[in-house]
Amino acid sequence: MIAGANGIVRISAEINGSLILPRHPVFMSTAIAAPRTSPEGHSTGPAAKSGRLKLIILAAPILLIVLGAGLWFTGILPRVLGMEHNAHGGHEEAKPAAPPVFVDVPELVANLNGNANRPSFVKLLARIEIAKAEDAERIRAAMPRLQDMFQTYLREMRPEELRGSAGTYRLREELVARANIVLAPVRINDILFIQLLVQ
């Protein structure tokens, strides 16, 4: 046992010349209660260390974000990551895009699925847009199959489904999807309506 200056008794044991203090909260309370001060008067206890640790934990991610944003917007980080594109006069010249190729679809006239007493018809004249000129002959060769697919789809539509721009958009999307199925591996970019009459 060792008697402290403030009258608190500490229990310790000495083994082979080294001092061993027990690890019980009652015995450790006196060591935690009094923070140490440095010669300059600054606190060096656990409270000061935890404050610095919180500051480091909060400042480190903010510093990393600011540093990353700076590197990204200066163009250093994209270059390092291999995501650089030659937008500022690089060595590679941009090739002009090939003009699209259009293939005419023969005029389609189909009766719509509607009122049996008053029949409705649709008249459609369209062009198919493709990216490669060499695919035009494949499309012309498969045109009868394509016309059959379009006619079958149009006959199942009701006149209300073709009203307005939303109906026209849906018709275009469905015809493009069906044409891509029939003409695979040829890829169709779009179908342009030259004439669309619902009567």
N, C-alpha and C. Protein backbone atom coordinates (compact mmCIF):
# COMPACT_ATOMS: atom_id res chain seq x y z
N MET A 1 0.83 -1.18 0.00
CA MET A 1 0.00 0.00 0.00
C MET A 1 0.88 1.24 0.00
N ILE A 2 0.40 2.26 -0.75
CA ILE A 2 1.12 3.52 -0.82
C ILE A 2 0.13 4.61 -0.45
N ALA A 3 0.50 5.50 0.44
CA ALA A 3 -0.38 6.59 0.84
C ALA A 3 -0.08 7.78 -0.03
N GLY A 4 -1.11 8.36 -0.63
CA GLY A 4 -0.96 9.51 -1.51
C GLY A 4 -0.91 10.81 -0.72
N ALA A 5 -0.62 11.90 -1.44
CA ALA A 5 -0.50 13.21 -0.80
C ALA A 5 -1.85 13.72 -0.32
N ASN A 6 -2.93 13.34 -0.96
CA ASN A 6 -4.25 13.83 -0.56
C ASN A 6 -4.96 12.86 0.38
N GLY A 7 -4.26 11.91 0.91
CA GLY A 7 -4.83 11.01 1.89
C GLY A 7 -5.46 9.77 1.30
N ILE A 8 -5.39 9.58 -0.01
CA ILE A 8 -5.98 8.39 -0.64
C ILE A 8 -4.93 7.30 -0.63
N VAL A 9 -5.38 6.13 -0.24
CA VAL A 9 -4.48 4.99 -0.14
C VAL A 9 -4.59 4.20 -1.43
N ARG A 10 -3.44 3.90 -2.02
CA ARG A 10 -3.40 3.09 -3.24
C ARG A 10 -2.78 1.75 -2.89
N ILE A 11 -3.37 0.72 -3.47
CA ILE A 11 -2.85 -0.62 -3.23
C ILE A 11 -2.05 -1.02 -4.45
N SER A 12 -0.86 -1.49 -4.23
CA SER A 12 -0.01 -1.92 -5.34
C SER A 12 0.81 -3.10 -4.91
N ALA A 13 1.37 -3.77 -5.86
CA ALA A 13 2.22 -4.92 -5.59
C ALA A 13 3.47 -4.76 -6.42
N GLU A 14 4.56 -5.27 -5.94
CA GLU A 14 5.80 -5.19 -6.67
C GLU A 14 6.27 -6.59 -6.98
N ILE A 15 6.46 -6.85 -8.28
CA ILE A 15 6.96 -8.16 -8.71
C ILE A 15 8.19 -7.92 -9.55
N ASN A 16 9.28 -8.55 -9.18
CA ASN A 16 10.56 -8.44 -9.88
C ASN A 16 10.97 -6.99 -10.12
N GLY A 17 10.71 -6.11 -9.24
CA GLY A 17 11.15 -4.73 -9.32
C GLY A 17 10.22 -3.81 -10.09
N SER A 18 9.09 -4.31 -10.65
CA SER A 18 8.18 -3.42 -11.38
C SER A 18 6.91 -3.27 -10.57
N LEU A 19 6.34 -2.08 -10.65
CA LEU A 19 5.16 -1.75 -9.87
C LEU A 19 3.91 -2.15 -10.64
N ILE A 20 3.00 -2.91 -10.04
CA ILE A 20 1.76 -3.35 -10.67
C ILE A 20 0.61 -2.75 -9.90
N LEU A 21 -0.25 -1.99 -10.61
CA LEU A 21 -1.43 -1.40 -9.99
C LEU A 21 -2.64 -2.24 -10.36
N PRO A 22 -3.57 -2.44 -9.45
CA PRO A 22 -4.76 -3.21 -9.77
C PRO A 22 -5.64 -2.46 -10.76
N ARG A 23 -6.41 -3.20 -11.60
CA ARG A 23 -7.27 -2.63 -12.64
C ARG A 23 -8.72 -2.60 -12.20
N HIS A 24 -9.00 -2.08 -11.10
CA HIS A 24 -10.36 -1.99 -10.60
C HIS A 24 -10.78 -0.53 -10.64
N PRO A 25 -12.06 -0.22 -11.02
CA PRO A 25 -12.49 1.18 -11.13
C PRO A 25 -12.29 1.98 -9.86
N VAL A 26 -12.39 1.35 -8.72
CA VAL A 26 -12.22 2.07 -7.47
C VAL A 26 -10.78 2.57 -7.36
N PHE A 27 -9.84 1.76 -7.79
CA PHE A 27 -8.44 2.13 -7.67
C PHE A 27 -8.02 3.09 -8.78
N MET A 28 -8.70 3.04 -9.94
CA MET A 28 -8.31 3.87 -11.07
C MET A 28 -8.97 5.25 -11.03
N SER A 29 -9.96 5.45 -10.18
CA SER A 29 -10.72 6.70 -10.17
C SER A 29 -9.84 7.90 -9.85
N THR A 30 -8.85 7.75 -9.01
CA THR A 30 -8.03 8.90 -8.65
C THR A 30 -7.13 9.30 -9.79
N ALA A 31 -6.69 8.35 -10.62
CA ALA A 31 -5.81 8.69 -11.73
C ALA A 31 -6.59 9.39 -12.84
N ILE A 32 -7.86 9.08 -13.05
CA ILE A 32 -8.66 9.67 -14.11
C ILE A 32 -9.19 11.03 -13.69
N ALA A 33 -9.44 11.22 -12.43
CA ALA A 33 -10.10 12.42 -11.95
C ALA A 33 -9.24 13.66 -12.12
N ALA A 34 -7.94 13.57 -11.99
CA ALA A 34 -7.10 14.76 -12.03
C ALA A 34 -6.36 14.83 -13.36
N PRO A 35 -6.75 15.75 -14.25
CA PRO A 35 -6.05 15.87 -15.53
C PRO A 35 -4.68 16.48 -15.32
N ARG A 36 -3.73 16.02 -16.12
CA ARG A 36 -2.37 16.54 -16.03
C ARG A 36 -2.26 17.81 -16.84
N THR A 37 -1.36 18.67 -16.45
CA THR A 37 -1.11 19.89 -17.21
C THR A 37 0.35 19.93 -17.58
N SER A 38 0.61 20.50 -18.75
CA SER A 38 1.98 20.63 -19.20
C SER A 38 2.60 21.86 -18.55
N PRO A 39 3.89 22.04 -18.68
CA PRO A 39 4.53 23.21 -18.08
C PRO A 39 3.99 24.53 -18.64
N GLU A 40 3.47 24.55 -19.89
CA GLU A 40 2.92 25.77 -20.47
C GLU A 40 1.51 26.05 -19.95
N GLY A 41 0.89 25.13 -19.25
CA GLY A 41 -0.43 25.31 -18.70
C GLY A 41 -1.53 24.66 -19.53
N HIS A 42 -1.20 23.96 -20.62
CA HIS A 42 -2.20 23.29 -21.45
C HIS A 42 -2.55 21.94 -20.85
N SER A 43 -3.80 21.56 -20.96
CA SER A 43 -4.25 20.29 -20.43
C SER A 43 -3.82 19.16 -21.35
N THR A 44 -3.26 18.10 -20.79
CA THR A 44 -2.83 16.95 -21.59
C THR A 44 -3.57 15.69 -21.19
N GLY A 45 -4.68 15.84 -20.49
CA GLY A 45 -5.43 14.70 -19.99
C GLY A 45 -6.26 14.05 -21.09
N PRO A 46 -7.04 13.04 -20.72
CA PRO A 46 -7.87 12.32 -21.69
C PRO A 46 -8.92 13.20 -22.35
N ALA A 47 -9.42 14.23 -21.67
CA ALA A 47 -10.44 15.10 -22.27
C ALA A 47 -9.85 15.88 -23.43
N ALA A 48 -8.62 16.37 -23.28
CA ALA A 48 -7.97 17.12 -24.36
C ALA A 48 -7.67 16.20 -25.53
N LYS A 49 -7.25 14.97 -25.28
CA LYS A 49 -6.94 14.02 -26.35
C LYS A 49 -8.20 13.63 -27.11
N SER A 50 -9.33 13.46 -26.42
CA SER A 50 -10.57 13.09 -27.11
C SER A 50 -11.08 14.24 -27.97
N GLY A 51 -10.84 15.48 -27.53
CA GLY A 51 -11.23 16.65 -28.33
C GLY A 51 -10.43 16.72 -29.62
N ARG A 52 -9.14 16.44 -29.54
CA ARG A 52 -8.30 16.42 -30.74
C ARG A 52 -8.72 15.28 -31.67
N LEU A 53 -9.06 14.14 -31.10
CA LEU A 53 -9.47 12.99 -31.90
C LEU A 53 -10.76 13.29 -32.65
N LYS A 54 -11.70 13.96 -31.99
CA LYS A 54 -12.95 14.34 -32.66
C LYS A 54 -12.68 15.31 -33.79
N LEU A 55 -11.79 16.25 -33.56
CA LEU A 55 -11.44 17.21 -34.59
C LEU A 55 -10.83 16.52 -35.80
N ILE A 56 -9.94 15.58 -35.55
CA ILE A 56 -9.31 14.84 -36.66
C ILE A 56 -10.34 14.00 -37.40
N ILE A 57 -11.24 13.35 -36.67
CA ILE A 57 -12.26 12.51 -37.31
C ILE A 57 -13.20 13.35 -38.17
N LEU A 58 -13.52 14.56 -37.74
CA LEU A 58 -14.41 15.42 -38.52
C LEU A 58 -13.68 16.12 -39.65
N ALA A 59 -12.45 16.50 -39.46
CA ALA A 59 -11.72 17.27 -40.46
C ALA A 59 -11.18 16.41 -41.59
N ALA A 60 -10.83 15.16 -41.32
CA ALA A 60 -10.22 14.31 -42.34
C ALA A 60 -11.15 14.06 -43.53
N PRO A 61 -12.42 13.65 -43.35
CA PRO A 61 -13.27 13.45 -44.53
C PRO A 61 -13.55 14.73 -45.30
N ILE A 62 -13.70 15.85 -44.59
CA ILE A 62 -13.94 17.12 -45.27
C ILE A 62 -12.72 17.51 -46.10
N LEU A 63 -11.55 17.32 -45.54
CA LEU A 63 -10.32 17.61 -46.27
C LEU A 63 -10.18 16.72 -47.49
N LEU A 64 -10.51 15.44 -47.37
CA LEU A 64 -10.43 14.52 -48.51
C LEU A 64 -11.42 14.90 -49.60
N ILE A 65 -12.62 15.31 -49.23
CA ILE A 65 -13.63 15.71 -50.22
C ILE A 65 -13.17 16.96 -50.96
N VAL A 66 -12.67 17.94 -50.23
CA VAL A 66 -12.21 19.18 -50.86
C VAL A 66 -11.02 18.90 -51.78
N LEU A 67 -10.10 18.07 -51.34
CA LEU A 67 -8.94 17.71 -52.14
C LEU A 67 -9.36 16.95 -53.40
N GLY A 68 -10.29 15.99 -53.26
CA GLY A 68 -10.78 15.23 -54.41
C GLY A 68 -11.50 16.11 -55.41
N ALA A 69 -12.33 17.03 -54.92
CA ALA A 69 -13.05 17.94 -55.82
C ALA A 69 -12.06 18.84 -56.55
N GLY A 70 -11.06 19.31 -55.87
CA GLY A 70 -10.06 20.15 -56.52
C GLY A 70 -9.31 19.40 -57.61
N LEU A 71 -8.92 18.17 -57.31
CA LEU A 71 -8.23 17.35 -58.31
C LEU A 71 -9.14 17.01 -59.49
N TRP A 72 -10.42 16.78 -59.21
CA TRP A 72 -11.37 16.43 -60.28
C TRP A 72 -11.57 17.61 -61.23
N PHE A 73 -11.85 18.80 -60.67
CA PHE A 73 -12.18 19.94 -61.51
C PHE A 73 -10.96 20.53 -62.20
N THR A 74 -9.77 20.26 -61.71
CA THR A 74 -8.58 20.70 -62.43
C THR A 74 -8.21 19.72 -63.54
N GLY A 75 -8.83 18.54 -63.55
CA GLY A 75 -8.58 17.56 -64.60
C GLY A 75 -7.50 16.56 -64.28
N ILE A 76 -6.92 16.66 -63.11
CA ILE A 76 -5.84 15.74 -62.74
C ILE A 76 -6.40 14.36 -62.43
N LEU A 77 -7.47 14.29 -61.63
CA LEU A 77 -8.03 13.00 -61.23
C LEU A 77 -8.60 12.21 -62.41
N PRO A 78 -9.37 12.82 -63.34
CA PRO A 78 -9.83 12.03 -64.49
C PRO A 78 -8.68 11.48 -65.32
N ARG A 79 -7.61 12.26 -65.46
CA ARG A 79 -6.46 11.79 -66.23
C ARG A 79 -5.80 10.60 -65.55
N VAL A 80 -5.69 10.65 -64.22
CA VAL A 80 -5.07 9.56 -63.46
C VAL A 80 -5.94 8.29 -63.55
N LEU A 81 -7.25 8.48 -63.51
CA LEU A 81 -8.17 7.34 -63.56
C LEU A 81 -8.40 6.83 -64.97
N GLY A 82 -7.83 7.48 -65.98
CA GLY A 82 -7.97 7.03 -67.36
C GLY A 82 -9.30 7.41 -67.98
N MET A 83 -9.95 8.44 -67.47
CA MET A 83 -11.26 8.86 -67.99
C MET A 83 -11.14 10.13 -68.81
N GLU A 84 -9.96 10.46 -69.25
CA GLU A 84 -9.74 11.70 -69.98
C GLU A 84 -10.28 11.58 -71.39
N HIS A 85 -10.95 12.62 -71.82
CA HIS A 85 -11.37 12.70 -73.21
C HIS A 85 -10.72 13.93 -73.83
N ASN A 86 -10.47 13.88 -75.10
CA ASN A 86 -9.74 14.94 -75.76
C ASN A 86 -10.68 16.05 -76.20
N ALA A 87 -11.22 16.78 -75.25
CA ALA A 87 -12.13 17.88 -75.56
C ALA A 87 -11.37 19.17 -75.82
N HIS A 88 -10.15 19.27 -75.37
CA HIS A 88 -9.39 20.51 -75.50
C HIS A 88 -8.29 20.37 -76.55
N GLY A 89 -8.65 20.00 -77.74
CA GLY A 89 -7.70 19.94 -78.84
C GLY A 89 -6.67 18.84 -78.68
N GLY A 90 -7.10 17.66 -78.41
CA GLY A 90 -6.19 16.53 -78.27
C GLY A 90 -5.63 16.12 -79.62
N HIS A 91 -4.84 15.08 -79.64
CA HIS A 91 -4.20 14.62 -80.86
C HIS A 91 -5.18 13.96 -81.82
N GLU A 92 -6.21 13.34 -81.29
CA GLU A 92 -7.16 12.62 -82.13
C GLU A 92 -8.22 13.59 -82.65
N GLU A 93 -8.47 13.50 -83.94
CA GLU A 93 -9.53 14.30 -84.54
C GLU A 93 -10.83 13.52 -84.48
N ALA A 94 -11.91 14.19 -84.15
CA ALA A 94 -13.21 13.55 -84.08
C ALA A 94 -13.69 13.28 -85.50
N LYS A 95 -14.07 12.03 -85.75
CA LYS A 95 -14.57 11.67 -87.07
C LYS A 95 -16.00 12.17 -87.20
N PRO A 96 -16.31 12.74 -88.33
CA PRO A 96 -17.70 13.19 -88.50
C PRO A 96 -18.61 11.96 -88.57
N ALA A 97 -19.75 12.09 -87.92
CA ALA A 97 -20.70 10.98 -87.89
C ALA A 97 -21.25 10.76 -89.29
N ALA A 98 -21.37 9.50 -89.63
CA ALA A 98 -21.91 9.16 -90.95
C ALA A 98 -23.38 9.55 -90.98
N PRO A 99 -23.82 10.09 -92.08
CA PRO A 99 -25.24 10.46 -92.15
C PRO A 99 -26.11 9.20 -92.08
N PRO A 100 -27.26 9.32 -91.46
CA PRO A 100 -28.12 8.14 -91.36
C PRO A 100 -28.67 7.76 -92.73
N VAL A 101 -29.03 6.50 -92.84
CA VAL A 101 -29.58 5.97 -94.08
C VAL A 101 -31.06 5.70 -93.84
N PHE A 102 -31.89 6.04 -94.82
CA PHE A 102 -33.33 5.85 -94.70
C PHE A 102 -33.81 4.86 -95.75
N VAL A 103 -34.70 3.98 -95.31
CA VAL A 103 -35.32 3.00 -96.20
C VAL A 103 -36.82 3.23 -96.15
N ASP A 104 -37.44 3.39 -97.33
CA ASP A 104 -38.89 3.64 -97.39
C ASP A 104 -39.67 2.36 -97.13
N VAL A 105 -40.72 2.50 -96.35
CA VAL A 105 -41.66 1.40 -96.13
C VAL A 105 -42.86 1.67 -97.05
N PRO A 106 -43.29 0.68 -97.81
CA PRO A 106 -44.47 0.91 -98.66
C PRO A 106 -45.68 1.32 -97.83
N GLU A 107 -46.60 2.01 -98.47
CA GLU A 107 -47.80 2.50 -97.79
C GLU A 107 -48.59 1.35 -97.19
N LEU A 108 -49.00 1.52 -95.93
CA LEU A 108 -49.78 0.51 -95.23
C LEU A 108 -51.17 1.06 -94.95
N VAL A 109 -52.19 0.28 -95.27
CA VAL A 109 -53.57 0.62 -94.94
C VAL A 109 -54.13 -0.57 -94.19
N ALA A 110 -54.66 -0.31 -92.99
CA ALA A 110 -55.19 -1.40 -92.17
C ALA A 110 -56.45 -0.93 -91.47
N ASN A 111 -57.40 -1.86 -91.31
CA ASN A 111 -58.59 -1.53 -90.52
C ASN A 111 -58.25 -1.74 -89.05
N LEU A 112 -58.77 -0.85 -88.23
CA LEU A 112 -58.47 -0.87 -86.80
C LEU A 112 -59.50 -1.71 -86.05
N ASN A 113 -59.10 -2.22 -84.93
CA ASN A 113 -59.97 -3.02 -84.08
C ASN A 113 -60.86 -2.06 -83.29
N GLY A 114 -62.09 -1.92 -83.74
CA GLY A 114 -62.97 -0.96 -83.08
C GLY A 114 -64.41 -1.39 -83.20
N ASN A 115 -65.27 -0.44 -83.37
CA ASN A 115 -66.70 -0.66 -83.47
C ASN A 115 -67.01 -1.42 -84.76
N ALA A 116 -67.76 -2.52 -84.67
CA ALA A 116 -68.09 -3.32 -85.85
C ALA A 116 -69.07 -2.60 -86.75
N ASN A 117 -69.92 -1.72 -86.20
CA ASN A 117 -70.90 -1.00 -87.00
C ASN A 117 -70.25 0.12 -87.82
N ARG A 118 -69.18 0.69 -87.30
CA ARG A 118 -68.52 1.79 -88.01
C ARG A 118 -67.02 1.49 -88.07
N PRO A 119 -66.54 0.95 -89.18
CA PRO A 119 -65.12 0.57 -89.27
C PRO A 119 -64.21 1.79 -89.34
N SER A 120 -63.02 1.64 -88.76
CA SER A 120 -61.99 2.69 -88.79
C SER A 120 -60.76 2.13 -89.49
N PHE A 121 -60.07 3.02 -90.19
CA PHE A 121 -58.88 2.63 -90.93
C PHE A 121 -57.72 3.54 -90.54
N VAL A 122 -56.51 3.01 -90.74
CA VAL A 122 -55.30 3.79 -90.57
C VAL A 122 -54.49 3.66 -91.85
N LYS A 123 -53.94 4.80 -92.27
CA LYS A 123 -53.05 4.82 -93.44
C LYS A 123 -51.70 5.32 -92.94
N LEU A 124 -50.65 4.53 -93.19
CA LEU A 124 -49.32 4.83 -92.65
C LEU A 124 -48.29 4.79 -93.76
N LEU A 125 -47.53 5.85 -93.87
CA LEU A 125 -46.39 5.92 -94.77
C LEU A 125 -45.20 6.29 -93.90
N ALA A 126 -44.14 5.47 -93.94
CA ALA A 126 -43.02 5.67 -93.00
C ALA A 126 -41.69 5.40 -93.67
N ARG A 127 -40.63 5.84 -92.97
CA ARG A 127 -39.25 5.55 -93.37
C ARG A 127 -38.51 4.99 -92.16
N ILE A 128 -37.64 4.02 -92.43
CA ILE A 128 -36.85 3.41 -91.37
C ILE A 128 -35.46 4.04 -91.40
N GLU A 129 -34.99 4.47 -90.24
CA GLU A 129 -33.66 5.07 -90.12
C GLU A 129 -32.69 4.03 -89.56
N ILE A 130 -31.57 3.84 -90.29
CA ILE A 130 -30.53 2.91 -89.84
C ILE A 130 -29.19 3.65 -89.87
N ALA A 131 -28.20 3.10 -89.19
CA ALA A 131 -26.90 3.75 -89.08
C ALA A 131 -25.96 3.35 -90.21
N LYS A 132 -26.04 2.12 -90.68
CA LYS A 132 -25.10 1.62 -91.68
C LYS A 132 -25.78 1.48 -93.04
N ALA A 133 -25.10 1.95 -94.08
CA ALA A 133 -25.65 1.87 -95.44
C ALA A 133 -25.72 0.43 -95.93
N GLU A 134 -24.81 -0.43 -95.47
CA GLU A 134 -24.81 -1.82 -95.93
C GLU A 134 -26.01 -2.61 -95.42
N ASP A 135 -26.69 -2.11 -94.38
CA ASP A 135 -27.87 -2.80 -93.86
C ASP A 135 -29.14 -2.51 -94.67
N ALA A 136 -29.09 -1.55 -95.57
CA ALA A 136 -30.28 -1.17 -96.35
C ALA A 136 -30.77 -2.32 -97.21
N GLU A 137 -29.84 -3.06 -97.81
CA GLU A 137 -30.26 -4.20 -98.67
C GLU A 137 -30.88 -5.32 -97.85
N ARG A 138 -30.39 -5.54 -96.66
CA ARG A 138 -30.99 -6.57 -95.79
C ARG A 138 -32.42 -6.18 -95.43
N ILE A 139 -32.64 -4.90 -95.19
CA ILE A 139 -33.99 -4.44 -94.84
C ILE A 139 -34.92 -4.58 -96.04
N ARG A 140 -34.44 -4.21 -97.22
CA ARG A 140 -35.28 -4.36 -98.43
C ARG A 140 -35.62 -5.82 -98.68
N ALA A 141 -34.68 -6.72 -98.40
CA ALA A 141 -34.93 -8.14 -98.60
C ALA A 141 -35.96 -8.67 -97.60
N ALA A 142 -36.00 -8.11 -96.39
CA ALA A 142 -36.93 -8.57 -95.35
C ALA A 142 -38.19 -7.71 -95.28
N MET A 143 -38.41 -6.84 -96.27
CA MET A 143 -39.55 -5.92 -96.22
C MET A 143 -40.90 -6.63 -96.18
N PRO A 144 -41.14 -7.73 -96.93
CA PRO A 144 -42.45 -8.39 -96.81
C PRO A 144 -42.74 -8.89 -95.38
N ARG A 145 -41.74 -9.42 -94.74
CA ARG A 145 -41.91 -9.88 -93.35
C ARG A 145 -42.19 -8.69 -92.42
N LEU A 146 -41.51 -7.58 -92.67
CA LEU A 146 -41.69 -6.37 -91.87
C LEU A 146 -43.09 -5.79 -92.08
N GLN A 147 -43.56 -5.76 -93.31
CA GLN A 147 -44.91 -5.26 -93.59
C GLN A 147 -45.96 -6.13 -92.90
N ASP A 148 -45.76 -7.43 -92.92
CA ASP A 148 -46.69 -8.33 -92.25
C ASP A 148 -46.75 -8.06 -90.75
N MET A 149 -45.60 -7.84 -90.14
CA MET A 149 -45.54 -7.55 -88.70
C MET A 149 -46.25 -6.24 -88.39
N PHE A 150 -46.02 -5.21 -89.22
CA PHE A 150 -46.67 -3.92 -89.00
C PHE A 150 -48.18 -4.02 -89.19
N GLN A 151 -48.61 -4.70 -90.25
CA GLN A 151 -50.06 -4.85 -90.53
C GLN A 151 -50.75 -5.57 -89.37
N THR A 152 -50.14 -6.63 -88.88
CA THR A 152 -50.73 -7.40 -87.78
C THR A 152 -50.87 -6.54 -86.53
N TYR A 153 -49.85 -5.74 -86.25
CA TYR A 153 -49.92 -4.88 -85.07
C TYR A 153 -50.98 -3.79 -85.24
N LEU A 154 -51.03 -3.18 -86.41
CA LEU A 154 -51.99 -2.09 -86.65
C LEU A 154 -53.43 -2.58 -86.57
N ARG A 155 -53.69 -3.80 -87.03
CA ARG A 155 -55.06 -4.34 -87.00
C ARG A 155 -55.55 -4.56 -85.58
N GLU A 156 -54.67 -4.74 -84.63
CA GLU A 156 -55.05 -4.95 -83.23
C GLU A 156 -55.25 -3.66 -82.45
N MET A 157 -54.90 -2.54 -83.04
CA MET A 157 -55.03 -1.26 -82.34
C MET A 157 -56.45 -0.71 -82.47
N ARG A 158 -56.86 0.04 -81.46
CA ARG A 158 -58.15 0.74 -81.49
C ARG A 158 -57.91 2.19 -81.90
N PRO A 159 -58.91 2.86 -82.47
CA PRO A 159 -58.72 4.25 -82.90
C PRO A 159 -58.32 5.17 -81.75
N GLU A 160 -58.82 4.92 -80.53
CA GLU A 160 -58.49 5.77 -79.37
C GLU A 160 -57.00 5.71 -79.04
N GLU A 161 -56.36 4.58 -79.33
CA GLU A 161 -54.95 4.42 -79.00
C GLU A 161 -54.03 5.26 -79.90
N LEU A 162 -54.54 5.71 -81.03
CA LEU A 162 -53.73 6.50 -81.96
C LEU A 162 -53.97 7.99 -81.83
N ARG A 163 -54.84 8.40 -80.97
CA ARG A 163 -55.15 9.82 -80.82
C ARG A 163 -54.04 10.53 -80.05
N GLY A 164 -53.68 11.71 -80.51
CA GLY A 164 -52.71 12.55 -79.80
C GLY A 164 -51.26 12.12 -80.00
N SER A 165 -50.38 12.93 -79.46
CA SER A 165 -48.94 12.66 -79.61
C SER A 165 -48.49 11.45 -78.80
N ALA A 166 -49.15 11.18 -77.68
CA ALA A 166 -48.79 10.02 -76.87
C ALA A 166 -49.08 8.74 -77.63
N GLY A 167 -50.19 8.70 -78.34
CA GLY A 167 -50.52 7.52 -79.15
C GLY A 167 -49.53 7.33 -80.28
N THR A 168 -49.13 8.42 -80.92
CA THR A 168 -48.15 8.33 -82.01
C THR A 168 -46.80 7.87 -81.47
N TYR A 169 -46.42 8.35 -80.32
CA TYR A 169 -45.15 7.95 -79.71
C TYR A 169 -45.16 6.45 -79.38
N ARG A 170 -46.26 5.98 -78.79
CA ARG A 170 -46.38 4.55 -78.47
C ARG A 170 -46.32 3.70 -79.73
N LEU A 171 -47.00 4.15 -80.80
CA LEU A 171 -46.97 3.42 -82.07
C LEU A 171 -45.55 3.34 -82.60
N ARG A 172 -44.83 4.45 -82.57
CA ARG A 172 -43.44 4.47 -83.05
C ARG A 172 -42.57 3.50 -82.26
N GLU A 173 -42.68 3.54 -80.93
CA GLU A 173 -41.86 2.65 -80.09
C GLU A 173 -42.17 1.18 -80.36
N GLU A 174 -43.44 0.85 -80.51
CA GLU A 174 -43.81 -0.54 -80.78
C GLU A 174 -43.32 -1.00 -82.15
N LEU A 175 -43.42 -0.14 -83.15
CA LEU A 175 -42.96 -0.52 -84.49
C LEU A 175 -41.44 -0.68 -84.53
N VAL A 176 -40.71 0.18 -83.82
CA VAL A 176 -39.25 0.04 -83.76
C VAL A 176 -38.88 -1.27 -83.07
N ALA A 177 -39.54 -1.59 -81.97
CA ALA A 177 -39.24 -2.84 -81.26
C ALA A 177 -39.53 -4.05 -82.13
N ARG A 178 -40.65 -4.04 -82.81
CA ARG A 178 -41.01 -5.18 -83.68
C ARG A 178 -40.08 -5.27 -84.88
N ALA A 179 -39.69 -4.14 -85.44
CA ALA A 179 -38.77 -4.16 -86.58
C ALA A 179 -37.40 -4.69 -86.17
N ASN A 180 -36.94 -4.34 -84.99
CA ASN A 180 -35.65 -4.86 -84.51
C ASN A 180 -35.70 -6.37 -84.30
N ILE A 181 -36.86 -6.89 -83.94
CA ILE A 181 -37.00 -8.35 -83.78
C ILE A 181 -36.94 -9.03 -85.14
N VAL A 182 -37.68 -8.49 -86.10
CA VAL A 182 -37.75 -9.10 -87.44
C VAL A 182 -36.42 -8.99 -88.17
N LEU A 183 -35.75 -7.86 -88.04
CA LEU A 183 -34.55 -7.59 -88.84
C LEU A 183 -33.25 -7.91 -88.12
N ALA A 184 -33.28 -8.53 -86.97
CA ALA A 184 -32.05 -8.84 -86.23
C ALA A 184 -31.09 -9.60 -87.13
N PRO A 185 -29.84 -9.31 -87.14
CA PRO A 185 -28.99 -8.47 -86.30
C PRO A 185 -28.92 -7.00 -86.72
N VAL A 186 -29.66 -6.61 -87.75
CA VAL A 186 -29.68 -5.21 -88.16
C VAL A 186 -30.36 -4.39 -87.07
N ARG A 187 -29.78 -3.25 -86.75
CA ARG A 187 -30.31 -2.38 -85.69
C ARG A 187 -30.97 -1.16 -86.31
N ILE A 188 -32.23 -0.93 -85.94
CA ILE A 188 -33.00 0.21 -86.44
C ILE A 188 -32.94 1.31 -85.39
N ASN A 189 -32.59 2.52 -85.82
CA ASN A 189 -32.53 3.66 -84.89
C ASN A 189 -33.90 4.25 -84.63
N ASP A 190 -34.70 4.41 -85.70
CA ASP A 190 -35.98 5.09 -85.55
C ASP A 190 -36.86 4.78 -86.74
N ILE A 191 -38.15 5.04 -86.58
CA ILE A 191 -39.12 5.00 -87.68
C ILE A 191 -39.73 6.37 -87.76
N LEU A 192 -39.64 6.97 -88.93
CA LEU A 192 -40.17 8.32 -89.14
C LEU A 192 -41.48 8.21 -89.89
N PHE A 193 -42.52 8.83 -89.35
CA PHE A 193 -43.83 8.82 -89.99
C PHE A 193 -43.90 9.95 -91.01
N ILE A 194 -44.12 9.57 -92.26
CA ILE A 194 -44.31 10.56 -93.32
C ILE A 194 -45.78 10.96 -93.37
N GLN A 195 -46.64 9.95 -93.23
CA GLN A 195 -48.08 10.21 -93.25
C GLN A 195 -48.75 9.22 -92.30
N LEU A 196 -49.63 9.73 -91.44
CA LEU A 196 -50.39 8.88 -90.52
C LEU A 196 -51.80 9.43 -90.46
N LEU A 197 -52.71 8.71 -91.08
CA LEU A 197 -54.12 9.13 -91.12
C LEU A 197 -54.98 8.09 -90.44
N VAL A 198 -55.86 8.54 -89.55
CA VAL A 198 -56.82 7.66 -88.89
C VAL A 198 -58.20 8.14 -89.33
N GLN A 199 -59.00 7.20 -89.89
CA GLN A 199 -60.33 7.58 -90.40
C GLN A 199 -61.37 6.64 -89.87
